[in-house]
PDB file of all heavy atoms in Angstrom:
ATOM      1  N   LEU A   1     180.933  84.897  37.261  1.00  0.00           N
ATOM      2  CA  LEU A   1     181.449  84.509  35.951  1.00  0.00           C
ATOM      3  C   LEU A   1     180.440  84.851  34.859  1.00  0.00           C
ATOM      4  O   LEU A   1     180.806  85.349  33.796  1.00  0.00           O
ATOM      5  CB  LEU A   1     181.777  83.016  35.921  1.00  0.00           C
ATOM      6  CG  LEU A   1     182.284  82.466  34.596  1.00  0.00           C
ATOM      7  CD1 LEU A   1     183.550  83.176  34.151  1.00  0.00           C
ATOM      8  CD2 LEU A   1     182.512  80.962  34.713  1.00  0.00           C
ATOM      9  N   GLY A   2     179.173  84.615  35.132  1.00  0.00           N
ATOM     10  CA  GLY A   2     178.139  84.980  34.156  1.00  0.00           C
ATOM     11  C   GLY A   2     178.117  86.469  33.895  1.00  0.00           C
ATOM     12  O   GLY A   2     178.017  86.919  32.745  1.00  0.00           O
ATOM     13  N   VAL A   3     178.250  87.256  34.949  1.00  0.00           N
ATOM     14  CA  VAL A   3     178.277  88.719  34.807  1.00  0.00           C
ATOM     15  C   VAL A   3     179.498  89.146  33.995  1.00  0.00           C
ATOM     16  O   VAL A   3     179.392  89.946  33.059  1.00  0.00           O
ATOM     17  CB  VAL A   3     178.268  89.401  36.191  1.00  0.00           C
ATOM     18  CG1 VAL A   3     178.501  90.895  36.067  1.00  0.00           C
ATOM     19  CG2 VAL A   3     176.963  89.117  36.931  1.00  0.00           C
ATOM     20  N   VAL A   4     180.662  88.607  34.357  1.00  0.00           N
ATOM     21  CA  VAL A   4     181.899  88.960  33.654  1.00  0.00           C
ATOM     22  C   VAL A   4     181.827  88.556  32.184  1.00  0.00           C
ATOM     23  O   VAL A   4     182.264  89.300  31.297  1.00  0.00           O
ATOM     24  CB  VAL A   4     183.127  88.328  34.358  1.00  0.00           C
ATOM     25  CG1 VAL A   4     184.372  88.399  33.493  1.00  0.00           C
ATOM     26  CG2 VAL A   4     183.357  88.999  35.699  1.00  0.00           C
ATOM     27  N   GLU A   5     181.260  87.385  31.894  1.00  0.00           N
ATOM     28  CA  GLU A   5     181.122  86.951  30.495  1.00  0.00           C
ATOM     29  C   GLU A   5     180.266  87.913  29.693  1.00  0.00           C
ATOM     30  O   GLU A   5     180.603  88.263  28.562  1.00  0.00           O
ATOM     31  CB  GLU A   5     180.524  85.544  30.428  1.00  0.00           C
ATOM     32  CG  GLU A   5     181.507  84.457  30.781  1.00  0.00           C
ATOM     33  CD  GLU A   5     180.899  83.069  30.687  1.00  0.00           C
ATOM     34  OE1 GLU A   5     179.665  82.917  30.858  1.00  0.00           O
ATOM     35  OE2 GLU A   5     181.661  82.126  30.445  1.00  0.00           O
ATOM     36  N   VAL A   6     179.159  88.363  30.266  1.00  0.00           N
ATOM     37  CA  VAL A   6     178.281  89.308  29.556  1.00  0.00           C
ATOM     38  C   VAL A   6     179.001  90.644  29.351  1.00  0.00           C
ATOM     39  O   VAL A   6     178.943  91.227  28.264  1.00  0.00           O
ATOM     40  CB  VAL A   6     176.943  89.498  30.302  1.00  0.00           C
ATOM     41  CG1 VAL A   6     176.146  90.655  29.717  1.00  0.00           C
ATOM     42  CG2 VAL A   6     176.120  88.219  30.260  1.00  0.00           C
ATOM     43  N   LEU A   7     179.688  91.119  30.397  1.00  0.00           N
ATOM     44  CA  LEU A   7     180.447  92.368  30.246  1.00  0.00           C
ATOM     45  C   LEU A   7     181.492  92.232  29.140  1.00  0.00           C
ATOM     46  O   LEU A   7     181.682  93.148  28.334  1.00  0.00           O
ATOM     47  CB  LEU A   7     181.122  92.751  31.571  1.00  0.00           C
ATOM     48  CG  LEU A   7     180.203  93.207  32.684  1.00  0.00           C
ATOM     49  CD1 LEU A   7     180.989  93.367  33.985  1.00  0.00           C
ATOM     50  CD2 LEU A   7     179.491  94.493  32.330  1.00  0.00           C
ATOM     51  N   HIS A   8     182.169  91.093  29.101  1.00  0.00           N
ATOM     52  CA  HIS A   8     183.181  90.849  28.067  1.00  0.00           C
ATOM     53  C   HIS A   8     182.553  90.786  26.674  1.00  0.00           C
ATOM     54  O   HIS A   8     183.050  91.402  25.730  1.00  0.00           O
ATOM     55  CB  HIS A   8     183.947  89.563  28.368  1.00  0.00           C
ATOM     56  CG  HIS A   8     184.950  89.222  27.319  1.00  0.00           C
ATOM     57  ND1 HIS A   8     186.115  89.943  27.138  1.00  0.00           N
ATOM     58  CD2 HIS A   8     184.958  88.252  26.382  1.00  0.00           C
ATOM     59  CE1 HIS A   8     186.779  89.430  26.129  1.00  0.00           C
ATOM     60  NE2 HIS A   8     186.111  88.396  25.654  1.00  0.00           N
ATOM     61  N   MET A   9     181.456  90.056  26.541  1.00  0.00           N
ATOM     62  CA  MET A   9     180.798  89.925  25.231  1.00  0.00           C
ATOM     63  C   MET A   9     180.330  91.276  24.700  1.00  0.00           C
ATOM     64  O   MET A   9     180.310  91.495  23.489  1.00  0.00           O
ATOM     65  CB  MET A   9     179.609  88.964  25.316  1.00  0.00           C
ATOM     66  CG  MET A   9     180.021  87.513  25.473  1.00  0.00           C
ATOM     67  SD  MET A   9     178.665  86.307  25.413  1.00  0.00           S
ATOM     68  CE  MET A   9     177.417  87.006  26.445  1.00  0.00           C
ATOM     69  N   ARG A  10     179.965  92.174  25.591  1.00  0.00           N
ATOM     70  CA  ARG A  10     179.484  93.501  25.175  1.00  0.00           C
ATOM     71  C   ARG A  10     180.605  94.537  25.095  1.00  0.00           C
ATOM     72  O   ARG A  10     180.348  95.710  24.860  1.00  0.00           O
ATOM     73  CB  ARG A  10     178.390  93.965  26.112  1.00  0.00           C
ATOM     74  CG  ARG A  10     177.181  93.062  26.007  1.00  0.00           C
ATOM     75  CD  ARG A  10     176.032  93.539  26.794  1.00  0.00           C
ATOM     76  NE  ARG A  10     174.920  92.604  26.614  1.00  0.00           N
ATOM     77  CZ  ARG A  10     173.747  92.760  27.158  1.00  0.00           C
ATOM     78  NH1 ARG A  10     173.501  93.810  27.916  1.00  0.00           N
ATOM     79  NH2 ARG A  10     172.794  91.884  26.953  1.00  0.00           N
ATOM     80  N   GLY A  11     181.844  94.103  25.304  1.00  0.00           N
ATOM     81  CA  GLY A  11     182.991  95.004  25.211  1.00  0.00           C
ATOM     82  C   GLY A  11     183.130  95.955  26.381  1.00  0.00           C
ATOM     83  O   GLY A  11     183.816  96.970  26.277  1.00  0.00           O
ATOM     84  N   LEU A  12     182.487  95.631  27.496  1.00  0.00           N
ATOM     85  CA  LEU A  12     182.500  96.525  28.650  1.00  0.00           C
ATOM     86  C   LEU A  12     183.525  96.138  29.711  1.00  0.00           C
ATOM     87  O   LEU A  12     183.928  96.988  30.512  1.00  0.00           O
ATOM     88  CB  LEU A  12     181.101  96.582  29.285  1.00  0.00           C
ATOM     89  CG  LEU A  12     179.991  97.081  28.366  1.00  0.00           C
ATOM     90  CD1 LEU A  12     178.638  96.928  29.042  1.00  0.00           C
ATOM     91  CD2 LEU A  12     180.256  98.526  27.969  1.00  0.00           C
ATOM     92  N   PHE A  13     183.956  94.896  29.734  1.00  0.00           N
ATOM     93  CA  PHE A  13     184.875  94.452  30.781  1.00  0.00           C
ATOM     94  C   PHE A  13     186.179  95.230  30.747  1.00  0.00           C
ATOM     95  O   PHE A  13     186.758  95.545  31.778  1.00  0.00           O
ATOM     96  CB  PHE A  13     185.133  92.947  30.685  1.00  0.00           C
ATOM     97  CG  PHE A  13     185.917  92.418  31.856  1.00  0.00           C
ATOM     98  CD1 PHE A  13     185.310  92.230  33.082  1.00  0.00           C
ATOM     99  CD2 PHE A  13     187.266  92.145  31.730  1.00  0.00           C
ATOM    100  CE1 PHE A  13     186.032  91.766  34.178  1.00  0.00           C
ATOM    101  CE2 PHE A  13     187.996  91.679  32.806  1.00  0.00           C
ATOM    102  CZ  PHE A  13     187.373  91.490  34.038  1.00  0.00           C
ATOM    103  N   ARG A  14     186.636  95.586  29.574  1.00  0.00           N
ATOM    104  CA  ARG A  14     187.905  96.305  29.454  1.00  0.00           C
ATOM    105  C   ARG A  14     187.832  97.723  29.989  1.00  0.00           C
ATOM    106  O   ARG A  14     188.858  98.369  30.182  1.00  0.00           O
ATOM    107  CB  ARG A  14     188.379  96.309  28.001  1.00  0.00           C
ATOM    108  CG  ARG A  14     187.499  97.087  27.076  1.00  0.00           C
ATOM    109  CD  ARG A  14     187.853  96.813  25.623  1.00  0.00           C
ATOM    110  NE  ARG A  14     187.341  97.871  24.779  1.00  0.00           N
ATOM    111  CZ  ARG A  14     188.076  98.655  24.030  1.00  0.00           C
ATOM    112  NH1 ARG A  14     189.383  98.481  23.989  1.00  0.00           N
ATOM    113  NH2 ARG A  14     187.539  99.592  23.303  1.00  0.00           N
ATOM    114  N   LEU A  15     186.619  98.209  30.260  1.00  0.00           N
ATOM    115  CA  LEU A  15     186.452  99.559  30.790  1.00  0.00           C
ATOM    116  C   LEU A  15     186.568  99.611  32.314  1.00  0.00           C
ATOM    117  O   LEU A  15     186.546 100.697  32.900  1.00  0.00           O
ATOM    118  CB  LEU A  15     185.088 100.124  30.374  1.00  0.00           C
ATOM    119  CG  LEU A  15     184.830 100.179  28.868  1.00  0.00           C
ATOM    120  CD1 LEU A  15     183.436 100.709  28.599  1.00  0.00           C
ATOM    121  CD2 LEU A  15     185.882 101.021  28.164  1.00  0.00           C
ATOM    122  N   ILE A  16     186.709  98.461  32.961  1.00  0.00           N
ATOM    123  CA  ILE A  16     186.768  98.412  34.423  1.00  0.00           C
ATOM    124  C   ILE A  16     188.163  98.819  34.902  1.00  0.00           C
ATOM    125  O   ILE A  16     189.170  98.263  34.474  1.00  0.00           O
ATOM    126  CB  ILE A  16     186.397  97.002  34.927  1.00  0.00           C
ATOM    127  CG1 ILE A  16     184.946  96.706  34.570  1.00  0.00           C
ATOM    128  CG2 ILE A  16     186.626  96.889  36.437  1.00  0.00           C
ATOM    129  CD1 ILE A  16     184.520  95.288  34.811  1.00  0.00           C
ATOM    130  N   ASP A  17     188.189  99.827  35.793  1.00  0.00           N
ATOM    131  CA  ASP A  17     189.444 100.331  36.338  1.00  0.00           C
ATOM    132  C   ASP A  17     189.808  99.678  37.666  1.00  0.00           C
ATOM    133  O   ASP A  17     190.987  99.561  37.995  1.00  0.00           O
ATOM    134  CB  ASP A  17     189.342 101.848  36.553  1.00  0.00           C
ATOM    135  CG  ASP A  17     189.076 102.591  35.253  1.00  0.00           C
ATOM    136  OD1 ASP A  17     189.829 102.386  34.292  1.00  0.00           O
ATOM    137  OD2 ASP A  17     188.097 103.359  35.206  1.00  0.00           O
ATOM    138  N   TYR A  18     188.800  99.302  38.445  1.00  0.00           N
ATOM    139  CA  TYR A  18     189.018  98.731  39.776  1.00  0.00           C
ATOM    140  C   TYR A  18     188.258  97.426  39.909  1.00  0.00           C
ATOM    141  O   TYR A  18     187.140  97.306  39.426  1.00  0.00           O
ATOM    142  CB  TYR A  18     188.510  99.681  40.874  1.00  0.00           C
ATOM    143  CG  TYR A  18     189.263 100.979  40.951  1.00  0.00           C
ATOM    144  CD1 TYR A  18     188.790 102.117  40.306  1.00  0.00           C
ATOM    145  CD2 TYR A  18     190.436 101.071  41.689  1.00  0.00           C
ATOM    146  CE1 TYR A  18     189.470 103.311  40.384  1.00  0.00           C
ATOM    147  CE2 TYR A  18     191.121 102.265  41.770  1.00  0.00           C
ATOM    148  CZ  TYR A  18     190.637 103.387  41.117  1.00  0.00           C
ATOM    149  OH  TYR A  18     191.325 104.569  41.194  1.00  0.00           O
ATOM    150  N   LEU A  19     188.874  96.467  40.592  1.00  0.00           N
ATOM    151  CA  LEU A  19     188.228  95.187  40.864  1.00  0.00           C
ATOM    152  C   LEU A  19     188.344  94.903  42.350  1.00  0.00           C
ATOM    153  O   LEU A  19     189.439  94.918  42.911  1.00  0.00           O
ATOM    154  CB  LEU A  19     188.899  94.071  40.058  1.00  0.00           C
ATOM    155  CG  LEU A  19     188.341  92.666  40.230  1.00  0.00           C
ATOM    156  CD1 LEU A  19     186.896  92.600  39.751  1.00  0.00           C
ATOM    157  CD2 LEU A  19     189.196  91.670  39.461  1.00  0.00           C
ATOM    158  N   SER A  20     187.216  94.682  43.004  1.00  0.00           N
ATOM    159  CA  SER A  20     187.187  94.373  44.427  1.00  0.00           C
ATOM    160  C   SER A  20     186.525  93.020  44.608  1.00  0.00           C
ATOM    161  O   SER A  20     185.483  92.750  44.023  1.00  0.00           O
ATOM    162  CB  SER A  20     186.382  95.449  45.169  1.00  0.00           C
ATOM    163  OG  SER A  20     186.268  95.129  46.533  1.00  0.00           O
ATOM    164  N   THR A  21     187.161  92.155  45.408  1.00  0.00           N
ATOM    165  CA  THR A  21     186.613  90.812  45.604  1.00  0.00           C
ATOM    166  C   THR A  21     186.592  90.449  47.076  1.00  0.00           C
ATOM    167  O   THR A  21     187.371  90.967  47.873  1.00  0.00           O
ATOM    168  CB  THR A  21     187.450  89.750  44.862  1.00  0.00           C
ATOM    169  OG1 THR A  21     188.740  89.675  45.467  1.00  0.00           O
ATOM    170  CG2 THR A  21     187.579  90.065  43.389  1.00  0.00           C
ATOM    171  N   VAL A  22     185.690  89.559  47.420  1.00  0.00           N
ATOM    172  CA  VAL A  22     185.598  88.997  48.764  1.00  0.00           C
ATOM    173  C   VAL A  22     185.310  87.511  48.620  1.00  0.00           C
ATOM    174  O   VAL A  22     184.472  87.106  47.819  1.00  0.00           O
ATOM    175  CB  VAL A  22     184.454  89.661  49.571  1.00  0.00           C
ATOM    176  CG1 VAL A  22     184.313  89.035  50.938  1.00  0.00           C
ATOM    177  CG2 VAL A  22     184.676  91.150  49.694  1.00  0.00           C
ATOM    178  N   SER A  23     186.004  86.698  49.366  1.00  0.00           N
ATOM    179  CA  SER A  23     185.742  85.275  49.483  1.00  0.00           C
ATOM    180  C   SER A  23     185.603  84.597  48.123  1.00  0.00           C
ATOM    181  O   SER A  23     186.538  84.593  47.347  1.00  0.00           O
ATOM    182  CB  SER A  23     184.510  85.058  50.364  1.00  0.00           C
ATOM    183  OG  SER A  23     184.336  83.686  50.666  1.00  0.00           O
ATOM    184  N   GLY A  24     184.433  84.049  47.820  1.00  0.00           N
ATOM    185  CA  GLY A  24     184.222  83.322  46.563  1.00  0.00           C
ATOM    186  C   GLY A  24     184.458  84.184  45.336  1.00  0.00           C
ATOM    187  O   GLY A  24     184.905  83.695  44.300  1.00  0.00           O
TER     188      GLY A  24
END
């Protein structure tokens, strides 16, 4: 969440094309 918040604040989160998740 901290990483995603920083990416969002810097306008970078919207540039992500793929999201991969495991467990938590």
